[in-house]
Structures are given as structure tokens and as C-alpha cells.
């Protein structure tokens, strides 16, 4: 059974919802239904990894195929910055002479 629900939104909220739905090619009704399902779904036996999926918007469409490439380009192997740290002074210690 379907039931009607009327909701009043402020202009900024309405425009944000419309933009979000338009980006996905959805109607406003579809966007509201998806949001309500996400908010009200049971979370008892949910896999935490699956629960995290879809949380970050704007990721590349081929992320799952090229994950290693993106990860490699994300981390840059550089030595930590020594900004504000004075270099250690080398002290020559008197020691035993070396025979040659």
C-alpha cells in the first residue's frame, strides 16, 4: 500500500535536494524515498565494511578497478619535514688511532 506524505522544506533545503536528485537523474520522490530508506533501515546484523560503502561522494567511477593506482598516487614517499628542527652537530671524538 502506498501512502502520500506532504513535507514542507525551506528554499535552500529544497534546492539542495533538487540538485542532489538531478545529479543522479532521479525525481524528488525517488531521492526522498532513498534517503528515508537509508535513515530507517535495520542496522543490527550489518557488515561494517558494506555500511561504509557509498559514504564518500565524488570518487572516480573506476576506483574499484584502479584502486592500487589511486592509492600509489595518494601517498608520496618523502622523508618527514625537519622544519624547525636544528640539525645535530657532529662531534669528533678522540679515539684510538687506526693502524694501517
Protein backbone atom coordinates (compact mmCIF):
# COMPACT_ATOMS: atom_id res chain seq x y z
CA UNK A 1 0.00 0.00 0.00
CA UNK A 2 1.27 3.47 -0.86
CA UNK A 3 0.60 6.50 1.27
CA UNK A 4 1.07 10.14 0.46
CA UNK A 5 3.25 12.36 2.61
CA UNK A 6 3.48 16.11 2.29
CA UNK A 7 6.65 17.78 3.51
CA UNK A 8 7.49 21.48 3.63
CA UNK A 9 11.11 22.46 3.06
CA UNK A 10 12.89 25.77 3.26
CA UNK A 11 14.13 27.09 -0.09
CA UNK A 12 17.83 26.21 0.49
CA UNK A 13 16.91 22.66 1.56
CA UNK A 14 14.61 22.23 -1.43
CA UNK A 15 17.25 23.48 -3.89
CA UNK A 16 19.90 21.22 -2.34
CA UNK A 17 17.57 18.21 -2.63
CA UNK A 18 16.69 19.09 -6.22
CA UNK A 19 20.38 19.47 -7.18
CA UNK A 20 21.25 16.17 -5.48
CA UNK A 21 18.43 14.36 -7.30
CA UNK A 22 19.28 15.98 -10.65
CA UNK A 23 22.93 14.86 -10.38
CA UNK A 24 21.71 11.28 -10.17
CA UNK A 25 18.90 11.58 -12.71
CA UNK A 26 16.25 10.93 -10.04
CA UNK A 27 12.93 12.56 -9.29
CA UNK A 28 12.47 14.36 -5.98
CA UNK A 29 10.24 11.50 -4.81
CA UNK A 30 12.92 8.92 -5.56
CA UNK A 31 15.53 10.98 -3.71
CA UNK A 32 13.31 11.31 -0.64
CA UNK A 33 12.48 7.57 -0.65
CA UNK A 34 16.16 6.61 -0.87
CA UNK A 35 17.05 8.98 1.97
CA UNK A 36 14.24 7.63 4.15
CA UNK A 37 15.27 4.03 3.49
CA UNK A 38 18.87 4.86 4.39
CA UNK A 39 17.80 6.52 7.64
CA UNK A 40 15.35 3.84 8.75
CA UNK A 41 16.97 0.57 7.65
CA UNK A 42 17.81 -2.02 10.30
CA UNK A 43 21.45 -1.94 11.35
CA UNK A 44 21.53 -4.98 13.62
CA UNK A 45 23.46 -7.51 11.52
CA UNK A 46 25.09 -5.14 9.12
CA UNK A 47 28.60 -5.65 7.81
CA UNK A 48 30.62 -2.55 8.81
CA UNK A 49 32.50 -2.53 5.52
CA UNK A 50 29.31 -2.63 3.49
CA UNK A 51 27.84 0.04 5.74
CA UNK A 52 30.70 2.36 4.79
CA UNK A 53 30.14 1.92 1.06
CA UNK A 54 28.67 4.94 -0.63
CA UNK A 55 29.58 7.32 2.20
CA UNK A 56 32.04 9.33 0.11
CA UNK A 57 30.71 11.14 -2.91
CA UNK A 58 32.77 12.22 -5.90
CA UNK A 59 35.04 9.17 -6.13
CA UNK A 60 36.19 8.08 -9.60
CA UNK A 61 33.88 5.65 -11.35
CA UNK A 62 36.77 3.21 -11.96
CA UNK A 63 38.03 3.27 -8.36
CA UNK A 64 37.44 -0.43 -7.73
CA UNK A 65 39.35 -1.38 -10.90
CA UNK A 66 42.28 1.02 -10.44
CA UNK A 67 42.41 1.13 -6.62
CA UNK A 68 46.15 0.37 -6.44
CA UNK A 69 46.96 3.13 -8.93
CA UNK A 70 44.98 5.71 -7.00
CA UNK A 71 46.47 4.56 -3.69
CA UNK A 72 50.01 4.77 -5.08
CA UNK A 73 49.44 8.32 -6.29
CA UNK A 74 47.88 9.33 -2.98
CA UNK A 75 50.90 8.53 -0.83
CA UNK A 76 54.18 10.20 -1.64
CA UNK A 77 57.30 8.68 -0.17
CA UNK A 78 59.11 11.69 1.19
CA UNK A 79 61.19 11.97 4.32
CA UNK A 80 59.43 13.83 7.12
CA UNK A 81 59.99 17.56 7.20
CA UNK A 82 62.68 18.78 9.55
CA UNK A 83 61.19 22.25 9.64
CA UNK A 84 62.02 23.93 12.93
CA UNK A 85 64.44 21.21 13.99
CA UNK A 86 68.09 22.13 14.19
CA UNK A 87 70.45 19.57 12.69
CA UNK A 88 72.58 17.64 15.12
CA UNK A 89 76.14 18.83 15.34
CA UNK A 90 78.71 16.19 14.64
CA UNK A 91 81.25 15.84 17.35
CA UNK A 92 84.55 14.26 16.55
CA UNK A 93 85.57 12.01 19.36
CA UNK A 94 89.13 11.31 20.20
CA UNK A 95 89.65 7.63 19.95
CA UNK A 96 92.28 5.05 19.30
CA UNK A 97 94.36 5.65 16.26
CA UNK A 98 93.98 3.24 13.43
CA UNK A 99 97.00 1.26 12.28
CA UNK A 100 97.45 0.82 8.63
